[in-house]
Amino acid sequence: MPAEARREQILDLTQAIVDAEGFHAATPHRIAEAAGVNRSLLYQLFGDLSGLFVALIDREAGRAASQFADAVSTSGDDGTESNPALRAFDSLLHAVDARPATWRLFLFPPQGAPPALYERLAQSEAVVREFFVQQLLRFTPGLEDPEYTARVLHAAGRELLQLRLSEPGSASHDRLRALVRRLNSELLQRIR
């Protein structure tokens, strides 16, 4: 197997273990055994276990960031939702469904998570909040406190995506979209 494919295989196996049981369960022996390789290969590819975890976190942070960027840049010219906030939220719901393990990593940080996870999480949350601030300034000029409003929207969105992951049967797309539509409408009415 080529080195890059082997690296991805090891990251995938590590992610599966971390997703199911937490970082503490992802030992070099267990990962190497699952991959059918010698532990020395893990050290050659990642330096140490911490390096492997950081590589996993960085890969998944890149995937989540790409999905978020795609969600917020969808134009709506294809007959989809015309409201940018609802369109972005709908796209994020699909992203969560497409890669639940990626999103669980950041929405429900597993037990024993290394500091790198929390650093990437803080960076991504700042990006999302800034996106909300810019959207609020663009679509609701005169809003008294866009920075704190963005924080509230971020917290609410995070909670809804967590519900989608933890209670997919009751937190359906339709139910979550209806709630976001109603909250968006109420927010706009109060501002005007």
Foldseek 3Di string as FASTA:
>chain_A
DDPVVLLVQLLVLQLVCCLVARNVRRDLVVSCVVSVHDSVSVCVVQVDSVSSLLVSLVVLLVLLVVQLVCLQPDCCPVVPDNDSVLSSLLSVLVSCVVCVSSLCCQLPPGPPRDVSNVVSNVVVLVVQLVVQLVVCCVPQPPPDDSNVVSVVVSVVSSVLSVCCSPPVPVSDSVVVSVVVVVVVVVVNVVSD
